[in-house]
Amino acid sequence: MLCKSLEFKNVFGQKIKVIEIPVLETNNYYYFMIQIRLQIYISFLYNKPHEKSCYSFREYLKRKLSWPDFKELYSMKQFKSNA
């Protein structure tokens, strides 16, 4: 599974980094669900001051998704040497 990261500044000027965002094809079963969850998570981080500056989207999904969905999402094929 390929993952990406995202960096932005929130309303209060804090630099926020979100890591471990899965990269999915648009025809993937989980694509829409992940996009919506990511938008919700980013809007939560954008509008409130936080103590940390780095957040894991994978940990957020672990709390929000059912375990079988989470396990299937992150157990998709691994790329050799990130190629």
PDB file of N, CA and C in Angstrom:
ATOM      1  N   MET A   1       0.839  -1.171   0.000  1.00  0.00           N
ATOM      2  CA  MET A   1       0.000   0.000   0.000  1.00  0.00           C
ATOM      3  C   MET A   1       0.890   1.241   0.000  1.00  0.00           C
ATOM      4  N   LEU A   2       0.650   2.093  -0.945  1.00  0.00           N
ATOM      5  CA  LEU A   2       1.358   3.367  -0.976  1.00  0.00           C
ATOM      6  C   LEU A   2       0.604   4.368  -0.111  1.00  0.00           C
ATOM      7  N   CYS A   3       1.344   5.166   0.608  1.00  0.00           N
ATOM      8  CA  CYS A   3       0.744   6.189   1.465  1.00  0.00           C
ATOM      9  C   CYS A   3       1.362   7.543   1.141  1.00  0.00           C
ATOM     10  N   LYS A   4       0.569   8.572   1.335  1.00  0.00           N
ATOM     11  CA  LYS A   4       1.063   9.930   1.118  1.00  0.00           C
ATOM     12  C   LYS A   4       0.923  10.714   2.402  1.00  0.00           C
ATOM     13  N   SER A   5       1.496  11.896   2.422  1.00  0.00           N
ATOM     14  CA  SER A   5       1.359  12.779   3.572  1.00  0.00           C
ATOM     15  C   SER A   5       0.900  14.150   3.086  1.00  0.00           C
ATOM     16  N   LEU A   6       0.372  14.932   4.003  1.00  0.00           N
ATOM     17  CA  LEU A   6      -0.171  16.232   3.674  1.00  0.00           C
ATOM     18  C   LEU A   6       0.236  17.212   4.764  1.00  0.00           C
ATOM     19  N   GLU A   7       0.720  18.386   4.359  1.00  0.00           N
ATOM     20  CA  GLU A   7       1.107  19.436   5.300  1.00  0.00           C
ATOM     21  C   GLU A   7       0.330  20.699   4.994  1.00  0.00           C
ATOM     22  N   PHE A   8      -0.161  21.357   6.041  1.00  0.00           N
ATOM     23  CA  PHE A   8      -0.883  22.615   5.877  1.00  0.00           C
ATOM     24  C   PHE A   8      -0.815  23.408   7.179  1.00  0.00           C
ATOM     25  N   LYS A   9      -1.221  24.670   7.110  1.00  0.00           N
ATOM     26  CA  LYS A   9      -1.313  25.507   8.302  1.00  0.00           C
ATOM     27  C   LYS A   9      -2.783  25.684   8.641  1.00  0.00           C
ATOM     28  N   ASN A  10      -3.102  25.552   9.935  1.00  0.00           N
ATOM     29  CA  ASN A  10      -4.498  25.711  10.346  1.00  0.00           C
ATOM     30  C   ASN A  10      -4.830  27.180  10.550  1.00  0.00           C
ATOM     31  N   VAL A  11      -6.035  27.455  11.017  1.00  0.00           N
ATOM     32  CA  VAL A  11      -6.515  28.821  11.213  1.00  0.00           C
ATOM     33  C   VAL A  11      -5.616  29.606  12.153  1.00  0.00           C
ATOM     34  N   PHE A  12      -4.994  28.940  13.117  1.00  0.00           N
ATOM     35  CA  PHE A  12      -4.172  29.593  14.130  1.00  0.00           C
ATOM     36  C   PHE A  12      -2.704  29.696  13.727  1.00  0.00           C
ATOM     37  N   GLY A  13      -2.373  29.282  12.504  1.00  0.00           N
ATOM     38  CA  GLY A  13      -1.011  29.390  12.005  1.00  0.00           C
ATOM     39  C   GLY A  13      -0.114  28.224  12.381  1.00  0.00           C
ATOM     40  N   GLN A  14      -0.653  27.200  13.031  1.00  0.00           N
ATOM     41  CA  GLN A  14       0.138  26.027  13.378  1.00  0.00           C
ATOM     42  C   GLN A  14       0.345  25.156  12.142  1.00  0.00           C
ATOM     43  N   LYS A  15       1.549  24.632  11.992  1.00  0.00           N
ATOM     44  CA  LYS A  15       1.843  23.734  10.887  1.00  0.00           C
ATOM     45  C   LYS A  15       1.411  22.326  11.283  1.00  0.00           C
ATOM     46  N   ILE A  16       0.523  21.735  10.496  1.00  0.00           N
ATOM     47  CA  ILE A  16      -0.031  20.410  10.772  1.00  0.00           C
ATOM     48  C   ILE A  16       0.389  19.459   9.658  1.00  0.00           C
ATOM     49  N   LYS A  17       0.821  18.253  10.041  1.00  0.00           N
ATOM     50  CA  LYS A  17       1.195  17.233   9.071  1.00  0.00           C
ATOM     51  C   LYS A  17       0.346  15.988   9.328  1.00  0.00           C
ATOM     52  N   VAL A  18      -0.295  15.488   8.269  1.00  0.00           N
ATOM     53  CA  VAL A  18      -1.084  14.262   8.341  1.00  0.00           C
ATOM     54  C   VAL A  18      -0.336  13.222   7.515  1.00  0.00           C
ATOM     55  N   ILE A  19       0.010  12.093   8.149  1.00  0.00           N
ATOM     56  CA  ILE A  19       0.787  11.055   7.480  1.00  0.00           C
ATOM     57  C   ILE A  19      -0.047   9.793   7.319  1.00  0.00           C
ATOM     58  N   GLU A  20       0.453   8.861   6.541  1.00  0.00           N
ATOM     59  CA  GLU A  20      -0.139   7.541   6.301  1.00  0.00           C
ATOM     60  C   GLU A  20      -1.540   7.619   5.679  1.00  0.00           C
ATOM     61  N   ILE A  21      -1.684   8.460   4.661  1.00  0.00           N
ATOM     62  CA  ILE A  21      -2.935   8.547   3.914  1.00  0.00           C
ATOM     63  C   ILE A  21      -2.838   7.550   2.760  1.00  0.00           C
ATOM     64  N   PRO A  22      -3.719   6.555   2.693  1.00  0.00           N
ATOM     65  CA  PRO A  22      -3.606   5.552   1.626  1.00  0.00           C
ATOM     66  C   PRO A  22      -3.919   6.137   0.253  1.00  0.00           C
ATOM     67  N   VAL A  23      -3.174   5.687  -0.748  1.00  0.00           N
ATOM     68  CA  VAL A  23      -3.394   6.094  -2.125  1.00  0.00           C
ATOM     69  C   VAL A  23      -4.187   4.981  -2.797  1.00  0.00           C
ATOM     70  N   LEU A  24      -5.393   5.309  -3.263  1.00  0.00           N
ATOM     71  CA  LEU A  24      -6.270   4.320  -3.881  1.00  0.00           C
ATOM     72  C   LEU A  24      -6.653   4.764  -5.281  1.00  0.00           C
ATOM     73  N   GLU A  25      -6.956   3.800  -6.131  1.00  0.00           N
ATOM     74  CA  GLU A  25      -7.455   4.109  -7.468  1.00  0.00           C
ATOM     75  C   GLU A  25      -8.899   4.581  -7.345  1.00  0.00           C
ATOM     76  N   THR A  26      -9.365   5.360  -8.306  1.00  0.00           N
ATOM     77  CA  THR A  26     -10.720   5.915  -8.225  1.00  0.00           C
ATOM     78  C   THR A  26     -11.799   4.846  -8.323  1.00  0.00           C
ATOM     79  N   ASN A  27     -11.493   3.695  -8.897  1.00  0.00           N
ATOM     80  CA  ASN A  27     -12.495   2.633  -8.998  1.00  0.00           C
ATOM     81  C   ASN A  27     -12.447   1.665  -7.812  1.00  0.00           C
ATOM     82  N   ASN A  28     -11.628   1.952  -6.815  1.00  0.00           N
ATOM     83  CA  ASN A  28     -11.519   1.112  -5.634  1.00  0.00           C
ATOM     84  C   ASN A  28     -12.779   1.254  -4.776  1.00  0.00           C
ATOM     85  N   TYR A  29     -13.173   0.153  -4.143  1.00  0.00           N
ATOM     86  CA  TYR A  29     -14.361   0.121  -3.289  1.00  0.00           C
ATOM     87  C   TYR A  29     -14.281   1.130  -2.144  1.00  0.00           C
ATOM     88  N   TYR A  30     -13.107   1.354  -1.590  1.00  0.00           N
ATOM     89  CA  TYR A  30     -12.931   2.226  -0.427  1.00  0.00           C
ATOM     90  C   TYR A  30     -12.602   3.675  -0.772  1.00  0.00           C
ATOM     91  N   TYR A  31     -12.453   3.994  -2.029  1.00  0.00           N
ATOM     92  CA  TYR A  31     -12.010   5.327  -2.449  1.00  0.00           C
ATOM     93  C   TYR A  31     -12.898   6.442  -1.885  1.00  0.00           C
ATOM     94  N   PHE A  32     -14.194   6.347  -2.102  1.00  0.00           N
ATOM     95  CA  PHE A  32     -15.113   7.403  -1.663  1.00  0.00           C
ATOM     96  C   PHE A  32     -15.118   7.528  -0.144  1.00  0.00           C
ATOM     97  N   MET A  33     -15.144   6.402   0.549  1.00  0.00           N
ATOM     98  CA  MET A  33     -15.175   6.409   2.007  1.00  0.00           C
ATOM     99  C   MET A  33     -13.920   7.067   2.580  1.00  0.00           C
ATOM    100  N   ILE A  34     -12.764   6.773   1.999  1.00  0.00           N
ATOM    101  CA  ILE A  34     -11.507   7.353   2.480  1.00  0.00           C
ATOM    102  C   ILE A  34     -11.467   8.855   2.197  1.00  0.00           C
ATOM    103  N   GLN A  35     -11.952   9.286   1.039  1.00  0.00           N
ATOM    104  CA  GLN A  35     -11.959  10.705   0.702  1.00  0.00           C
ATOM    105  C   GLN A  35     -12.827  11.499   1.681  1.00  0.00           C
ATOM    106  N   ILE A  36     -13.990  10.968   2.000  1.00  0.00           N
ATOM    107  CA  ILE A  36     -14.888  11.653   2.934  1.00  0.00           C
ATOM    108  C   ILE A  36     -14.271  11.700   4.331  1.00  0.00           C
ATOM    109  N   ARG A  37     -13.725  10.584   4.785  1.00  0.00           N
ATOM    110  CA  ARG A  37     -13.084  10.546   6.113  1.00  0.00           C
ATOM    111  C   ARG A  37     -11.916  11.519   6.187  1.00  0.00           C
ATOM    112  N   LEU A  38     -11.140  11.612   5.108  1.00  0.00           N
ATOM    113  CA  LEU A  38     -10.001  12.529   5.078  1.00  0.00           C
ATOM    114  C   LEU A  38     -10.469  13.981   5.155  1.00  0.00           C
ATOM    115  N   GLN A  39     -11.521  14.323   4.435  1.00  0.00           N
ATOM    116  CA  GLN A  39     -12.063  15.686   4.490  1.00  0.00           C
ATOM    117  C   GLN A  39     -12.549  16.032   5.894  1.00  0.00           C
ATOM    118  N   ILE A  40     -13.217  15.097   6.539  1.00  0.00           N
ATOM    119  CA  ILE A  40     -13.707  15.326   7.897  1.00  0.00           C
ATOM    120  C   ILE A  40     -12.538  15.520   8.856  1.00  0.00           C
ATOM    121  N   TYR A  41     -11.530  14.671   8.729  1.00  0.00           N
ATOM    122  CA  TYR A  41     -10.370  14.738   9.619  1.00  0.00           C
ATOM    123  C   TYR A  41      -9.597  16.043   9.433  1.00  0.00           C
ATOM    124  N   ILE A  42      -9.394  16.454   8.198  1.00  0.00           N
ATOM    125  CA  ILE A  42      -8.660  17.690   7.929  1.00  0.00           C
ATOM    126  C   ILE A  42      -9.444  18.907   8.425  1.00  0.00           C
ATOM    127  N   SER A  43     -10.756  18.915   8.229  1.00  0.00           N
ATOM    128  CA  SER A  43     -11.544  20.052   8.714  1.00  0.00           C
ATOM    129  C   SER A  43     -11.510  20.127  10.244  1.00  0.00           C
ATOM    130  N   PHE A  44     -11.476  18.967  10.920  1.00  0.00           N
ATOM    131  CA  PHE A  44     -11.343  18.954  12.374  1.00  0.00           C
ATOM    132  C   PHE A  44      -9.999  19.545  12.795  1.00  0.00           C
ATOM    133  N   LEU A  45      -8.924  19.139  12.123  1.00  0.00           N
ATOM    134  CA  LEU A  45      -7.587  19.646  12.465  1.00  0.00           C
ATOM    135  C   LEU A  45      -7.416  21.114  12.083  1.00  0.00           C
ATOM    136  N   TYR A  46      -8.088  21.562  11.031  1.00  0.00           N
ATOM    137  CA  TYR A  46      -7.932  22.919  10.535  1.00  0.00           C
ATOM    138  C   TYR A  46      -8.572  23.954  11.460  1.00  0.00           C
ATOM    139  N   ASN A  47      -9.680  23.606  12.072  1.00  0.00           N
ATOM    140  CA  ASN A  47     -10.467  24.597  12.812  1.00  0.00           C
ATOM    141  C   ASN A  47     -10.194  24.679  14.301  1.00  0.00           C
ATOM    142  N   LYS A  48      -9.353  23.824  14.851  1.00  0.00           N
ATOM    143  CA  LYS A  48      -9.099  23.844  16.297  1.00  0.00           C
ATOM    144  C   LYS A  48      -7.601  23.848  16.570  1.00  0.00           C
ATOM    145  N   PRO A  49      -7.165  24.553  17.632  1.00  0.00           N
ATOM    146  CA  PRO A  49      -5.738  24.507  17.988  1.00  0.00           C
ATOM    147  C   PRO A  49      -5.392  23.144  18.593  1.00  0.00           C
ATOM    148  N   HIS A  50      -4.183  22.654  18.295  1.00  0.00           N
ATOM    149  CA  HIS A  50      -3.750  21.340  18.770  1.00  0.00           C
ATOM    150  C   HIS A  50      -2.348  21.427  19.351  1.00  0.00           C
ATOM    151  N   GLU A  51      -2.047  20.481  20.231  1.00  0.00           N
ATOM    152  CA  GLU A  51      -0.725  20.432  20.849  1.00  0.00           C
ATOM    153  C   GLU A  51       0.295  19.766  19.937  1.00  0.00           C
ATOM    154  N   LYS A  52      -0.134  18.724  19.231  1.00  0.00           N
ATOM    155  CA  LYS A  52       0.784  17.999  18.351  1.00  0.00           C
ATOM    156  C   LYS A  52       0.819  18.657  16.978  1.00  0.00           C
ATOM    157  N   SER A  53       1.852  18.339  16.216  1.00  0.00           N
ATOM    158  CA  SER A  53       1.933  18.881  14.862  1.00  0.00           C
ATOM    159  C   SER A  53       1.885  17.778  13.802  1.00  0.00           C
ATOM    160  N   CYS A  54       1.955  16.515  14.216  1.00  0.00           N
ATOM    161  CA  CYS A  54       1.947  15.402  13.276  1.00  0.00           C
ATOM    162  C   CYS A  54       0.880  14.395  13.700  1.00  0.00           C
ATOM    163  N   TYR A  55       0.004  14.039  12.766  1.00  0.00           N
ATOM    164  CA  TYR A  55      -1.097  13.126  13.051  1.00  0.00           C
ATOM    165  C   TYR A  55      -1.098  11.985  12.032  1.00  0.00           C
ATOM    166  N   SER A  56      -1.491  10.809  12.496  1.00  0.00           N
ATOM    167  CA  SER A  56      -1.555   9.636  11.640  1.00  0.00           C
ATOM    168  C   SER A  56      -2.997   9.391  11.202  1.00  0.00           C
ATOM    169  N   PHE A  57      -3.238   9.426   9.898  1.00  0.00           N
ATOM    170  CA  PHE A  57      -4.566   9.147   9.364  1.00  0.00           C
ATOM    171  C   PHE A  57      -4.909   7.669   9.562  1.00  0.00           C
ATOM    172  N   ARG A  58      -3.904   6.828   9.570  1.00  0.00           N
ATOM    173  CA  ARG A  58      -4.122   5.401   9.788  1.00  0.00           C
ATOM    174  C   ARG A  58      -4.698   5.145  11.189  1.00  0.00           C
ATOM    175  N   GLU A  59      -4.177   5.824  12.193  1.00  0.00           N
ATOM    176  CA  GLU A  59      -4.690   5.673  13.555  1.00  0.00           C
ATOM    177  C   GLU A  59      -6.124   6.204  13.652  1.00  0.00           C
ATOM    178  N   TYR A  60      -6.411   7.275  12.947  1.00  0.00           N
ATOM    179  CA  TYR A  60      -7.769   7.814  12.911  1.00  0.00           C
ATOM    180  C   TYR A  60      -8.727   6.801  12.294  1.00  0.00           C
ATOM    181  N   LEU A  61      -8.325   6.209  11.174  1.00  0.00           N
ATOM    182  CA  LEU A  61      -9.177   5.212  10.530  1.00  0.00           C
ATOM    183  C   LEU A  61      -9.360   3.975  11.398  1.00  0.00           C
ATOM    184  N   LYS A  62      -8.339   3.621  12.145  1.00  0.00           N
ATOM    185  CA  LYS A  62      -8.439   2.460  13.033  1.00  0.00           C
ATOM    186  C   LYS A  62      -9.551   2.666  14.052  1.00  0.00           C
ATOM    187  N   ARG A  63      -9.735   3.895  14.505  1.00  0.00           N
ATOM    188  CA  ARG A  63     -10.796   4.192  15.473  1.00  0.00           C
ATOM    189  C   ARG A  63     -12.161   4.326  14.817  1.00  0.00           C
ATOM    190  N   LYS A  64     -12.209   4.779  13.562  1.00  0.00           N
ATOM    191  CA  LYS A  64     -13.480   5.113  12.924  1.00  0.00           C
ATOM    192  C   LYS A  64     -14.087   3.993  12.070  1.00  0.00           C
ATOM    193  N   LEU A  65     -13.254   3.154  11.469  1.00  0.00           N
ATOM    194  CA  LEU A  65     -13.761   2.089  10.593  1.00  0.00           C
ATOM    195  C   LEU A  65     -13.971   0.801  11.373  1.00  0.00           C
ATOM    196  N   SER A  66     -14.800  -0.072  10.812  1.00  0.00           N
ATOM    197  CA  SER A  66     -14.928  -1.395  11.408  1.00  0.00           C
ATOM    198  C   SER A  66     -13.625  -2.147  11.162  1.00  0.00           C
ATOM    199  N   TRP A  67     -13.307  -3.055  12.051  1.00  0.00           N
ATOM    200  CA  TRP A  67     -12.029  -3.757  11.957  1.00  0.00           C
ATOM    201  C   TRP A  67     -11.862  -4.533  10.643  1.00  0.00           C
ATOM    202  N   PRO A  68     -12.872  -5.270  10.151  1.00  0.00           N
ATOM    203  CA  PRO A  68     -12.682  -5.981   8.869  1.00  0.00           C
ATOM    204  C   PRO A  68     -12.383  -5.039   7.700  1.00  0.00           C
ATOM    205  N   ASP A  69     -13.048  -3.866   7.669  1.00  0.00           N
ATOM    206  CA  ASP A  69     -12.778  -2.896   6.598  1.00  0.00           C
ATOM    207  C   ASP A  69     -11.370  -2.328   6.713  1.00  0.00           C
ATOM    208  N   PHE A  70     -10.978  -1.982   7.929  1.00  0.00           N
ATOM    209  CA  PHE A  70      -9.633  -1.445   8.140  1.00  0.00           C
ATOM    210  C   PHE A  70      -8.570  -2.463   7.739  1.00  0.00           C
ATOM    211  N   LYS A  71      -8.746  -3.693   8.158  1.00  0.00           N
ATOM    212  CA  LYS A  71      -7.784  -4.747   7.860  1.00  0.00           C
ATOM    213  C   LYS A  71      -7.676  -4.990   6.355  1.00  0.00           C
ATOM    214  N   GLU A  72      -8.814  -5.007   5.661  1.00  0.00           N
ATOM    215  CA  GLU A  72      -8.800  -5.216   4.214  1.00  0.00           C
ATOM    216  C   GLU A  72      -8.161  -4.038   3.482  1.00  0.00           C
ATOM    217  N   LEU A  73      -8.440  -2.833   3.946  1.00  0.00           N
ATOM    218  CA  LEU A  73      -7.879  -1.634   3.318  1.00  0.00           C
ATOM    219  C   LEU A  73      -6.361  -1.625   3.389  1.00  0.00           C
ATOM    220  N   TYR A  74      -5.798  -1.887   4.555  1.00  0.00           N
ATOM    221  CA  TYR A  74      -4.353  -1.812   4.726  1.00  0.00           C
ATOM    222  C   TYR A  74      -3.622  -3.116   4.408  1.00  0.00           C
ATOM    223  N   SER A  75      -4.349  -4.153   4.037  1.00  0.00           N
ATOM    224  CA  SER A  75      -3.671  -5.393   3.645  1.00  0.00           C
ATOM    225  C   SER A  75      -3.651  -5.564   2.134  1.00  0.00           C
ATOM    226  N   MET A  76      -3.968  -4.503   1.393  1.00  0.00           N
ATOM    227  CA  MET A  76      -3.906  -4.572  -0.068  1.00  0.00           C
ATOM    228  C   MET A  76      -2.466  -4.799  -0.501  1.00  0.00           C
ATOM    229  N   LYS A  77      -2.302  -5.133  -1.762  1.00  0.00           N
ATOM    230  CA  LYS A  77      -0.984  -5.539  -2.257  1.00  0.00           C
ATOM    231  C   LYS A  77       0.105  -4.517  -1.940  1.00  0.00           C
ATOM    232  N   GLN A  78       1.237  -5.024  -1.576  1.00  0.00           N
ATOM    233  CA  GLN A  78       2.414  -4.217  -1.276  1.00  0.00           C
ATOM    234  C   GLN A  78       3.243  -4.067  -2.549  1.00  0.00           C
ATOM    235  N   PHE A  79       3.779  -2.902  -2.789  1.00  0.00           N
ATOM    236  CA  PHE A  79       4.648  -2.666  -3.933  1.00  0.00           C
ATOM    237  C   PHE A  79       6.068  -2.924  -3.525  1.00  0.00           C
ATOM    238  N   LYS A  80       6.806  -3.561  -4.385  1.00  0.00           N
ATOM    239  CA  LYS A  80       8.191  -3.863  -4.097  1.00  0.00           C
ATOM    240  C   LYS A  80       9.041  -2.619  -4.333  1.00  0.00           C
ATOM    241  N   SER A  81       9.797  -2.232  -3.355  1.00  0.00           N
ATOM    242  CA  SER A  81      10.683  -1.055  -3.416  1.00  0.00           C
ATOM    243  C   SER A  81       9.928   0.228  -3.745  1.00  0.00           C
ATOM    244  N   ASN A  82       8.675   0.305  -3.296  1.00  0.00           N
ATOM    245  CA  ASN A  82       7.821   1.485  -3.527  1.00  0.00           C
ATOM    246  C   ASN A  82       7.733   1.866  -4.991  1.00  0.00           C
ATOM    247  N   ALA A  83       7.748   0.886  -5.879  1.00  0.00           N
ATOM    248  CA  ALA A  83       7.640   1.168  -7.310  1.00  0.00           C
ATOM    249  C   ALA A  83       6.255   0.890  -7.812  1.00  0.00           C
TER     250      ALA A  83
END
